[in-house]
Protein backbone atom coordinates (compact mmCIF):
# COMPACT_ATOMS: atom_id res chain seq x y z
CA MET A 1 -68.76 62.05 -14.94
CA SER A 2 -67.67 62.44 -11.29
CA GLU A 3 -68.68 65.10 -8.95
CA GLU A 4 -66.30 67.60 -7.75
CA THR A 5 -66.04 67.57 -3.89
CA GLY A 6 -63.19 69.72 -3.33
CA ASP A 7 -60.97 66.85 -2.25
CA GLU A 8 -59.48 66.25 -5.59
CA LYS A 9 -57.01 63.39 -5.74
CA GLY A 10 -54.67 63.62 -8.73
CA PHE A 11 -51.14 62.78 -9.47
CA LYS A 12 -48.15 65.02 -9.65
CA VAL A 13 -45.49 64.58 -12.59
CA HIS A 14 -41.79 65.08 -11.69
CA ASP A 15 -39.45 65.48 -14.55
CA LYS A 16 -36.52 63.22 -13.42
CA ARG A 17 -34.46 63.74 -16.76
CA ARG A 18 -30.93 64.72 -16.10
CA PHE A 19 -30.77 67.33 -18.83
CA THR A 20 -33.04 70.31 -19.67
CA GLU A 21 -34.36 70.65 -23.31
CA GLU A 22 -31.47 73.07 -23.98
CA GLY A 23 -29.04 70.27 -22.92
CA GLU A 24 -28.15 71.80 -19.70
CA VAL A 25 -27.69 69.70 -16.49
CA ARG A 26 -30.63 70.06 -14.14
CA GLU A 27 -29.82 71.47 -10.83
CA GLU A 28 -32.04 69.17 -8.81
CA THR A 29 -31.47 65.48 -9.04
CA ALA A 30 -33.77 62.62 -8.49
CA ALA A 31 -32.43 61.97 -5.13
CA GLU A 32 -33.12 65.67 -4.17
CA GLN A 33 -36.56 65.66 -5.43
CA PRO A 34 -39.38 65.55 -2.90
CA ARG A 35 -41.15 62.07 -2.77
CA GLU A 36 -44.82 61.35 -1.97
CA PRO A 37 -45.61 59.34 1.19
CA GLY A 38 -45.08 55.68 0.42
CA GLU A 39 -43.13 56.33 -2.63
CA GLU A 40 -39.78 54.42 -2.71
CA PRO A 41 -36.45 56.18 -3.16
CA PRO A 42 -34.97 56.05 -6.60
CA SER A 43 -32.80 53.08 -7.03
CA GLU A 44 -29.20 53.07 -8.31
CA PRO A 45 -29.03 52.67 -12.10
CA GLY A 46 -27.98 49.25 -13.00
CA PRO A 47 -26.46 47.92 -16.20
CA ALA A 48 -28.29 48.37 -19.44
CA PRO A 49 -30.41 45.35 -20.55
CA GLY A 50 -28.34 42.88 -22.44
CA ALA A 51 -25.02 44.45 -21.16
CA GLU A 52 -22.38 42.33 -19.48
CA PRO A 53 -22.26 42.79 -15.69
CA ALA A 54 -19.13 44.58 -14.47
CA PRO A 55 -16.46 42.31 -13.34
CA GLU A 56 -16.49 42.03 -9.60
CA PRO A 57 -13.21 41.77 -7.59
CA GLY A 58 -11.49 38.50 -7.89
CA ASP A 59 -13.18 37.91 -11.33
CA ARG A 60 -10.88 35.88 -13.52
CA ARG A 61 -12.13 37.24 -16.81
CA GLN A 62 -9.33 38.51 -18.78
CA GLU A 63 -9.51 41.54 -20.94
CA LEU A 64 -10.35 41.01 -24.66
CA PRO A 65 -7.58 41.31 -27.10
CA PRO A 66 -7.59 44.25 -29.64
CA ILE A 67 -9.58 43.62 -32.71
CA ASN A 68 -7.38 43.21 -35.67
CA PHE A 69 -7.49 40.77 -38.74
CA SER A 70 -5.52 38.14 -37.03
CA THR A 71 -7.85 37.99 -33.88
CA PHE A 72 -10.87 37.94 -36.25
CA ILE A 73 -9.41 34.94 -38.04
CA ILE A 74 -8.59 33.14 -34.82
CA SER A 75 -12.23 33.89 -33.54
CA LEU A 76 -13.78 32.40 -36.79
CA SER A 77 -11.45 29.32 -36.51
CA THR A 78 -12.46 28.78 -32.99
CA GLN A 79 -16.05 28.81 -33.95
CA ALA A 80 -15.34 26.35 -36.79
CA LEU A 81 -13.41 24.13 -34.23
CA MET A 82 -16.49 24.14 -32.11
CA HIS A 83 -18.72 23.13 -34.77
CA LEU A 84 -16.53 20.35 -35.85
CA GLY A 85 -16.75 18.82 -32.40
CA GLU A 86 -13.21 19.62 -31.43
CA MET A 87 -14.32 21.92 -28.40
CA SER A 88 -17.34 22.38 -26.26
CA ASN A 89 -19.78 25.17 -26.71
CA PRO A 90 -18.69 27.86 -23.98
CA VAL A 91 -22.32 28.64 -23.25
CA THR A 92 -23.64 25.13 -22.85
CA GLY A 93 -20.61 23.25 -22.07
CA GLU A 94 -21.55 20.37 -24.48
CA VAL A 95 -19.85 19.31 -27.70
CA GLU A 96 -22.18 20.16 -30.43
CA LYS A 97 -21.03 18.93 -33.87
CA ASP A 98 -22.50 20.56 -37.06
CA VAL A 99 -20.08 20.03 -39.99
CA GLU A 100 -22.15 22.13 -42.58
CA VAL A 101 -21.93 25.17 -40.31
CA ALA A 102 -18.20 24.45 -39.75
CA LYS A 103 -17.76 24.15 -43.59
CA GLN A 104 -19.46 27.41 -44.18
CA THR A 105 -17.18 29.18 -41.50
CA ILE A 106 -14.14 27.58 -43.14
CA ASP A 107 -15.36 28.92 -46.46
CA ILE A 108 -15.78 32.40 -45.00
CA ILE A 109 -12.18 32.29 -43.72
CA GLY A 110 -11.09 31.26 -47.37
CA MET A 111 -13.04 34.10 -48.87
CA LEU A 112 -11.53 36.55 -46.53
CA GLY A 113 -8.18 35.32 -47.49
CA GLU A 114 -8.65 35.72 -51.16
CA LYS A 115 -10.38 39.15 -50.83
CA SER A 116 -7.58 40.42 -48.67
CA LYS A 117 -4.77 39.21 -50.79
CA GLY A 118 -2.11 41.88 -51.31
CA ASN A 119 -3.30 43.73 -48.27
CA LEU A 120 -2.14 41.61 -45.52
CA ASP A 121 1.41 41.42 -44.10
CA GLU A 122 3.37 38.16 -44.22
CA THR A 123 2.33 37.15 -40.59
CA GLU A 124 -1.32 37.44 -41.42
CA GLU A 125 -0.99 35.70 -44.65
CA GLN A 126 0.80 32.78 -43.01
CA LEU A 127 -1.99 32.65 -40.27
CA VAL A 128 -4.84 32.29 -42.88
CA ARG A 129 -2.93 29.65 -44.75
CA GLU A 130 -2.21 27.61 -41.60
CA VAL A 131 -5.71 28.03 -40.13
CA LEU A 132 -7.26 26.99 -43.37
CA TYR A 133 -4.95 23.92 -43.83
CA ASN A 134 -5.69 22.71 -40.25
CA LEU A 135 -9.42 23.42 -40.45
CA ARG A 136 -9.72 21.62 -43.83
CA MET A 137 -7.89 18.64 -42.46
CA LYS A 138 -10.10 18.52 -39.43
CA TYR A 139 -13.18 18.88 -41.53
CA VAL A 140 -12.28 15.99 -43.79
CA GLU A 141 -11.73 13.90 -40.73
CA ALA A 142 -15.18 14.94 -39.25
CA VAL A 143 -16.96 14.10 -42.52
CA ARG A 144 -15.27 10.70 -42.58
CA THR A 145 -16.46 9.82 -39.12
CA THR A 146 -19.94 11.05 -39.61
């Protein structure tokens, strides 16, 4: 064991949580808490890991459309088109053809159309019919050329 010399070096624990155990906001903040010499000031909190960065001024990203049945079907059809080699992968920028994955996505759209029969309005039903027809024709064409 170590000998006690009277000059004990230890560490000090600072509770930097924003709320108390009772859920009340603490009066002192991390910026107001005293720091040890050489200790760096707390940094501003950044985005959560995996979160998209906040758009910067001049950023051309558009707001996402509202989620509904039609946008979901269009999203799936876009994925199918990408797997059919009709468009490039937005992440890699390359055309990646995988007709088996495209077929599965087309089948999912068909299943959704069948399972939702009677619950869709005329516009949604027409969208499913047209998307399925177009994707199936492109699938047949993709299989012929492979």
